[in-house]
Amino acid sequence: MKLKAFGNRIICRQGDFGKQVTESGIILQDNSSRSDGITARWFQVWEVGPEVDWLNPGEWVLVSHGRWTESFEYHDDRLPEPEKFWMIDPDGCLGKSYEKPNT
């Protein structure tokens, strides 16, 4: 089964949750379940519906806090192992990047 977006839906992966390490080696602990974790998050776009003409698969999108679904695990032939995916609310998108941003 292939994961397919329809309408104005945006499907993403690689949400910036969990522990992160900056380029300088600073470890940022996971804050997603605490009050200081109420922040916008970056996601990599996997698939966009036909009504989304401003975003393309492979790009990165910054999304307002809470404007995404719960994650779900999915495996695609293009991936070596199952990954977490989210559906993003297009009205919650704040910006985009062609490369993975340094958070």
Protein backbone atom coordinates (compact mmCIF):
# COMPACT_ATOMS: atom_id res chain seq x y z
CA MET A 1 0.00 0.00 0.00
CA LYS A 2 1.34 3.43 -0.96
CA LEU A 3 0.86 6.43 1.31
CA LYS A 4 -0.90 9.11 -0.76
CA ALA A 5 -1.97 12.65 0.15
CA PHE A 6 -5.21 14.05 -1.25
CA GLY A 7 -6.86 17.49 -1.33
CA ASN A 8 -4.83 19.98 0.71
CA ARG A 9 -3.20 17.30 2.87
CA ILE A 10 0.51 17.33 3.70
CA ILE A 11 2.22 14.17 4.92
CA CYS A 12 5.59 14.56 6.62
CA ARG A 13 8.28 12.55 8.34
CA GLN A 14 11.39 13.29 10.41
CA GLY A 15 9.67 15.63 12.87
CA ASP A 16 12.24 17.29 15.13
CA PHE A 17 11.12 15.59 18.34
CA GLY A 18 13.37 13.84 20.81
CA LYS A 19 16.95 14.51 21.80
CA GLN A 20 18.94 16.62 19.34
CA VAL A 21 22.62 17.49 19.03
CA THR A 22 23.66 20.87 17.62
CA GLU A 23 26.58 21.29 15.20
CA SER A 24 28.75 22.43 18.11
CA GLY A 25 27.94 19.24 20.04
CA ILE A 26 25.45 20.64 22.55
CA ILE A 27 22.83 18.03 23.49
CA LEU A 28 19.26 19.33 23.66
CA GLN A 29 17.05 16.98 25.66
CA ASP A 30 13.57 16.03 24.46
CA ASN A 31 11.06 18.62 25.70
CA SER A 32 8.00 17.52 23.72
CA SER A 33 5.99 16.48 26.79
CA ARG A 34 6.78 19.58 28.89
CA SER A 35 5.53 23.16 28.82
CA ASP A 36 8.79 24.41 27.29
CA GLY A 37 8.16 21.99 24.42
CA ILE A 38 5.27 24.12 23.17
CA THR A 39 7.07 25.33 20.09
CA ALA A 40 6.97 25.12 16.30
CA ARG A 41 8.63 22.01 14.82
CA TRP A 42 10.35 21.22 11.53
CA PHE A 43 9.18 18.27 9.41
CA GLN A 44 10.36 16.88 6.09
CA VAL A 45 7.62 16.78 3.47
CA TRP A 46 6.92 13.28 2.14
CA GLU A 47 3.80 13.81 0.03
CA VAL A 48 1.46 16.73 -0.76
CA GLY A 49 -2.06 16.71 -2.11
CA PRO A 50 -2.90 18.25 -5.50
CA GLU A 51 -4.25 21.44 -3.87
CA VAL A 52 -0.85 22.23 -2.30
CA ASP A 53 1.17 24.11 -4.91
CA TRP A 54 3.66 25.90 -2.63
CA LEU A 55 5.39 22.91 -1.05
CA ASN A 56 7.16 19.90 -2.56
CA PRO A 57 8.27 16.49 -1.30
CA GLY A 58 11.76 16.63 0.17
CA GLU A 59 11.43 20.20 1.42
CA TRP A 60 11.29 21.06 5.12
CA VAL A 61 8.34 22.89 6.66
CA LEU A 62 8.10 24.71 10.00
CA VAL A 63 4.73 24.00 11.64
CA SER A 64 3.00 25.85 14.51
CA HIS A 65 2.73 23.84 17.71
CA GLY A 66 -0.10 21.32 17.67
CA ARG A 67 -0.92 21.70 13.97
CA TRP A 68 0.00 18.08 13.26
CA THR A 69 -1.64 14.73 13.97
CA GLU A 70 -0.35 12.04 16.27
CA SER A 71 2.45 10.15 14.57
CA PHE A 72 1.84 6.85 12.82
CA GLU A 73 4.39 4.28 11.73
CA TYR A 74 4.63 3.40 8.05
CA HIS A 75 7.01 1.47 5.83
CA ASP A 76 7.59 2.33 2.18
CA ASP A 77 9.83 0.59 -0.37
CA ARG A 78 11.92 3.79 -0.51
CA LEU A 79 12.78 3.49 3.19
CA PRO A 80 15.13 0.96 4.79
CA GLU A 81 12.85 0.56 7.82
CA PRO A 82 9.50 1.85 9.14
CA GLU A 83 9.41 5.52 10.17
CA LYS A 84 7.05 7.88 11.96
CA PHE A 85 4.82 10.09 9.81
CA TRP A 86 2.46 12.99 10.58
CA MET A 87 -0.28 14.78 8.69
CA ILE A 88 0.24 18.54 8.82
CA ASP A 89 -2.41 21.26 8.80
CA PRO A 90 -1.54 23.56 5.85
CA ASP A 91 -2.84 26.59 7.80
CA GLY A 92 -0.24 25.88 10.50
CA CYS A 93 2.77 26.12 8.19
CA LEU A 94 5.03 29.05 9.06
CA GLY A 95 7.90 28.65 6.60
CA LYS A 96 9.85 26.24 4.47
CA SER A 97 13.44 25.36 3.68
CA TYR A 98 15.03 23.42 0.84
CA GLU A 99 17.61 21.96 3.26
CA LYS A 100 17.29 20.52 6.74
CA PRO A 101 17.42 23.48 9.14
CA ASN A 102 19.80 23.59 12.08
CA THR A 103 17.40 23.83 14.97
